[in-house]
Protein backbone atom coordinates (compact mmCIF):
# COMPACT_ATOMS: atom_id res chain seq x y z
CA MET A 1 -10.87 24.48 3.30
CA LYS A 2 -10.31 26.74 6.30
CA ARG A 3 -9.71 25.09 9.65
CA PHE A 4 -13.07 25.29 11.44
CA TYR A 5 -12.30 23.58 14.76
CA LYS A 6 -10.15 24.11 17.83
CA MET A 7 -10.16 20.87 19.78
CA VAL A 8 -9.48 17.35 18.45
CA SER A 9 -9.98 14.21 20.53
CA ALA A 10 -10.71 10.49 20.30
CA ALA A 11 -13.68 8.74 21.86
CA GLN A 12 -15.19 5.28 22.02
CA ALA A 13 -18.11 4.71 19.66
CA ASP A 14 -20.11 1.71 18.39
CA GLY A 15 -17.60 -0.88 19.52
CA GLY A 16 -14.64 1.06 18.19
CA PHE A 17 -13.29 4.60 18.25
CA THR A 18 -14.05 7.83 16.49
CA VAL A 19 -12.42 11.25 16.18
CA LEU A 20 -14.14 14.36 17.49
CA LEU A 21 -13.71 17.92 16.25
CA ASP A 22 -14.96 20.27 18.96
CA GLY A 23 -16.93 17.34 20.35
CA LYS A 24 -18.57 16.32 17.06
CA PRO A 25 -17.66 13.10 15.19
CA VAL A 26 -15.67 13.46 11.98
CA LYS A 27 -17.83 12.55 8.99
CA THR A 28 -16.66 10.57 5.99
CA PRO A 29 -17.51 11.71 2.44
CA ALA A 30 -20.43 9.22 2.60
CA LYS A 31 -21.71 11.16 5.63
CA GLN A 32 -20.96 8.39 8.10
CA SER A 33 -19.34 9.04 11.45
CA LEU A 34 -15.74 7.87 11.18
CA LEU A 35 -15.40 4.51 12.94
CA LEU A 36 -12.00 2.99 13.67
CA PRO A 37 -11.18 -0.48 15.00
CA ASN A 38 -8.87 0.68 17.78
CA GLU A 39 -7.58 3.61 19.78
CA ALA A 40 -4.14 3.55 18.14
CA LEU A 41 -5.50 4.51 14.72
CA ALA A 42 -7.83 7.06 16.29
CA THR A 43 -4.84 8.66 18.03
CA LEU A 44 -2.91 8.89 14.75
CA ILE A 45 -5.86 10.57 13.04
CA VAL A 46 -6.33 12.94 15.97
CA LYS A 47 -2.74 14.07 15.41
CA GLU A 48 -3.34 14.53 11.67
CA TRP A 49 -6.31 16.81 12.32
CA ALA A 50 -4.57 18.62 15.19
CA ASP A 51 -1.50 19.31 13.01
CA GLN A 52 -3.50 21.04 10.28
CA PRO A 53 -2.66 24.72 9.77
CA ASP A 54 -5.23 27.43 9.03
CA GLU A 55 -5.86 25.84 5.64
CA ILE A 56 -6.69 22.11 5.82
CA ASP A 57 -4.74 19.93 3.39
CA PRO A 58 -6.33 16.45 3.10
CA LYS A 59 -3.24 15.13 1.27
CA THR A 60 -1.30 15.37 4.53
CA MET A 61 -3.84 13.15 6.34
CA ARG A 62 -2.91 9.80 4.81
CA VAL A 63 -4.04 7.62 7.73
CA MET A 64 -7.40 9.39 7.65
CA GLN A 65 -7.68 8.80 3.90
CA ILE A 66 -6.99 5.07 4.23
CA ALA A 67 -9.56 4.78 7.04
CA VAL A 68 -12.17 6.57 4.93
CA THR A 69 -11.37 4.31 1.96
CA ALA A 70 -11.99 1.27 4.17
CA GLN A 71 -15.25 2.58 5.57
CA ASP A 72 -16.86 4.19 2.53
CA TYR A 73 -15.38 2.42 -0.47
CA VAL A 74 -14.08 -1.01 0.51
CA SER A 75 -17.03 -2.00 2.67
CA ALA A 76 -19.49 -1.16 -0.12
CA ASN A 77 -17.49 -2.65 -3.01
CA ARG A 78 -15.43 -5.42 -1.43
CA ALA A 79 -16.18 -8.21 -3.93
CA ASP A 80 -15.52 -6.01 -6.97
CA ILE A 81 -12.24 -4.70 -5.56
CA GLU A 82 -11.07 -8.20 -4.66
CA GLY A 83 -11.66 -9.18 -8.29
CA LEU A 84 -9.54 -6.28 -9.50
CA ILE A 85 -6.73 -7.06 -7.05
CA LEU A 86 -6.68 -10.71 -8.09
CA ARG A 87 -5.82 -9.62 -11.63
CA TYR A 88 -2.52 -8.24 -10.36
CA ILE A 89 -1.36 -11.73 -9.47
CA GLU A 90 -1.43 -12.56 -13.20
CA THR A 91 0.75 -9.56 -14.06
CA ASP A 92 2.83 -9.23 -10.92
CA LEU A 93 5.82 -6.92 -11.38
CA LEU A 94 8.21 -9.46 -9.85
CA CYS A 95 7.37 -12.10 -12.45
CA TYR A 96 8.40 -10.01 -15.46
CA GLN A 97 12.16 -10.06 -15.55
CA VAL A 98 14.69 -9.26 -18.26
CA ASP A 99 17.41 -11.42 -19.74
CA GLN A 100 19.51 -8.40 -20.80
CA PRO A 101 21.42 -6.50 -19.59
CA LEU A 102 22.92 -9.23 -17.45
CA ALA A 103 23.60 -6.99 -14.46
CA LEU A 104 19.94 -5.99 -14.25
CA ALA A 105 18.80 -9.57 -14.84
CA ARG A 106 20.97 -10.80 -11.98
CA ARG A 107 19.68 -8.09 -9.66
CA GLN A 108 16.08 -8.97 -10.48
CA GLN A 109 16.78 -12.67 -10.01
CA LYS A 110 18.28 -11.99 -6.58
CA THR A 111 15.93 -9.34 -5.18
CA TRP A 112 12.69 -10.41 -6.82
CA GLY A 113 13.54 -14.11 -6.81
CA ASP A 114 14.03 -14.13 -3.05
CA LEU A 115 10.65 -12.47 -2.54
CA LEU A 116 8.90 -14.87 -4.91
CA ALA A 117 10.46 -17.82 -3.07
CA TRP A 118 9.30 -16.41 0.28
CA PHE A 119 5.81 -15.81 -1.13
CA LYS A 120 5.58 -19.42 -2.32
CA GLN A 121 6.69 -20.73 1.06
CA GLU A 122 4.28 -18.40 2.89
CA THR A 123 1.19 -18.91 0.73
CA GLY A 124 1.73 -22.01 -1.41
CA ILE A 125 1.30 -19.87 -4.53
CA ASP A 126 4.02 -20.58 -7.08
CA LEU A 127 4.36 -17.62 -9.42
CA LYS A 128 6.53 -18.26 -12.46
CA VAL A 129 9.08 -15.85 -13.94
CA LYS A 130 8.77 -14.66 -17.54
CA THR A 131 10.89 -12.61 -19.91
CA ASP A 132 8.01 -11.69 -22.24
CA LEU A 133 4.94 -9.54 -21.60
CA ILE A 134 2.27 -12.22 -21.90
CA ALA A 135 0.09 -12.54 -18.82
CA LEU A 136 0.83 -15.43 -16.49
CA SER A 137 -1.38 -18.48 -16.55
CA ILE A 138 -2.31 -19.01 -12.91
CA PRO A 139 -3.64 -22.44 -11.84
CA LYS A 140 -7.11 -22.32 -10.28
CA ALA A 141 -5.73 -23.73 -7.03
CA ASP A 142 -3.37 -20.77 -6.72
CA LEU A 143 -6.13 -18.27 -7.52
CA ASP A 144 -8.26 -19.92 -4.86
CA ARG A 145 -5.40 -19.54 -2.37
CA ALA A 146 -5.14 -15.85 -3.23
CA LYS A 147 -8.91 -15.45 -2.76
CA VAL A 148 -8.64 -16.99 0.69
CA ILE A 149 -5.86 -14.54 1.58
CA LEU A 150 -8.00 -11.58 0.54
CA SER A 151 -11.21 -12.80 2.16
CA GLY A 152 -9.39 -13.22 5.47
CA MET A 153 -8.51 -9.53 5.65
CA SER A 154 -10.58 -7.00 7.56
CA ASP A 155 -11.85 -4.04 5.53
CA HIS A 156 -9.16 -1.83 7.05
CA LEU A 157 -6.32 -4.23 6.29
CA PHE A 158 -7.70 -4.85 2.81
CA ALA A 159 -7.84 -1.09 2.19
CA VAL A 160 -4.11 -0.86 2.88
CA PHE A 161 -3.34 -3.99 0.88
CA GLN A 162 -5.19 -2.85 -2.24
CA LEU A 163 -3.47 0.53 -2.03
CA ALA A 164 -0.04 -1.13 -1.76
CA VAL A 165 -0.83 -3.47 -4.67
CA SER A 166 -1.90 -0.65 -6.97
CA LEU A 167 1.06 1.47 -5.88
CA THR A 168 3.72 -1.19 -6.48
CA GLY A 169 2.06 -3.22 -9.21
CA SER A 170 2.74 -6.30 -7.15
CA PHE A 171 0.56 -8.62 -5.06
CA VAL A 172 3.78 -10.11 -3.67
CA LEU A 173 5.30 -6.80 -2.55
CA ALA A 174 2.06 -5.71 -0.92
CA TYR A 175 1.86 -9.03 0.92
CA ALA A 176 5.48 -8.67 2.05
CA LEU A 177 4.59 -5.25 3.47
CA ILE A 178 1.56 -6.36 5.46
CA LYS A 179 3.42 -9.43 6.74
CA ASN A 180 6.39 -7.30 7.82
CA LYS A 181 8.68 -9.37 5.59
CA ALA A 182 10.20 -6.23 4.07
CA SER A 183 10.65 -2.65 5.22
CA VAL A 184 9.30 0.39 3.40
CA ASP A 185 12.78 1.05 2.02
CA GLU A 186 13.13 -2.54 0.81
CA ILE A 187 9.71 -2.43 -0.85
CA PHE A 188 10.61 0.86 -2.52
CA LYS A 189 13.92 -0.51 -3.83
CA ALA A 190 12.23 -3.66 -5.14
CA ALA A 191 9.37 -1.78 -6.81
CA LYS A 192 11.72 0.76 -8.39
CA LEU A 193 14.55 -1.68 -9.05
CA GLU A 194 14.91 -0.95 -12.76
CA GLU A 195 14.80 2.84 -12.37
CA LEU A 196 17.35 2.71 -9.55
CA PHE A 197 19.55 0.44 -11.67
CA MET A 198 19.50 2.95 -14.54
CA ILE A 199 20.43 5.80 -12.18
CA GLU A 200 23.37 3.74 -10.92
CA VAL A 201 24.56 2.55 -14.34
CA HIS A 202 24.48 6.00 -15.91
CA ASP A 203 25.88 7.66 -12.78
CA LEU A 204 22.96 10.08 -12.80
CA GLU A 205 23.38 10.94 -9.13
CA LYS A 206 26.66 12.67 -9.97
CA HIS A 207 24.74 15.21 -12.05
CA GLY A 208 22.01 15.66 -9.48
CA PRO A 209 18.67 13.84 -9.23
CA ASP A 210 16.03 14.29 -11.90
CA PRO A 211 13.57 16.68 -10.18
CA VAL A 212 10.49 15.02 -11.66
CA GLN A 213 11.65 11.51 -10.81
CA GLY A 214 12.74 12.70 -7.37
CA LYS A 215 9.24 14.02 -6.65
CA GLU A 216 7.71 10.77 -7.90
CA PHE A 217 10.00 8.74 -5.65
CA ASP A 218 9.19 10.95 -2.65
CA ALA A 219 5.44 10.64 -3.24
CA PHE A 220 5.78 6.87 -3.65
CA LYS A 221 7.67 6.58 -0.36
CA ARG A 222 5.11 8.73 1.47
CA GLU A 223 2.30 6.46 0.30
CA LEU A 224 4.23 3.35 1.35
CA GLU A 225 5.06 4.89 4.73
CA ALA A 226 1.39 5.69 5.32
CA CYS A 227 0.48 2.10 4.50
CA ASP A 228 3.13 0.82 6.88
CA VAL A 229 2.05 3.11 9.73
CA PHE A 230 -1.57 2.06 9.27
CA ILE A 231 -0.70 -1.65 9.26
CA ARG A 232 1.50 -1.43 12.37
CA ASN A 233 -1.35 0.26 14.26
CA LEU A 234 -4.17 -2.08 13.25
């Protein structure tokens, strides 16, 4: 799409803020005027629109995309999405650890074990570790605790959380991100622990990074960084 506007600004609207292109509110795909909870997010989205070249690239407007997801998708489908996200707690990445090779097992026990221990202390949810691929059996009390966590999130925070869960495959890692327990780099290293271990063990960096894997890692980090920026400005 060609850039069709010259001026980008933020303005108060309906108890929040919106973004204006040549004085007109930005519309979401559902044809709603974009509505943001605060000026900080509006300012970030103003910059995303202002930085667009002659050809608009929506992929470079990650804060805008998360805001639209919250407004159009999450608000209309909240209960269904919460149900889908709850399923991740039964198959959380951090709970499925190996027993061999020992070096990888120890790394998982340390990195993932510390996060699971923190999660238990923070939420009261005690996720068990497995070395097979059978789904966890989660006590109803723990599922109820997870439901309370989700229901307490605003649509905008939940939009980020569900994106981080689906990206990492982990309820725990997403929670660590929104609670500022772990940095983007720490979340990346935990989510990609096995792949990074294989690169290290086989000394793959010496021969240059795999271009496909490198692109996947870069895209993963960009998504995580967008989530983090959004959270810190809510």
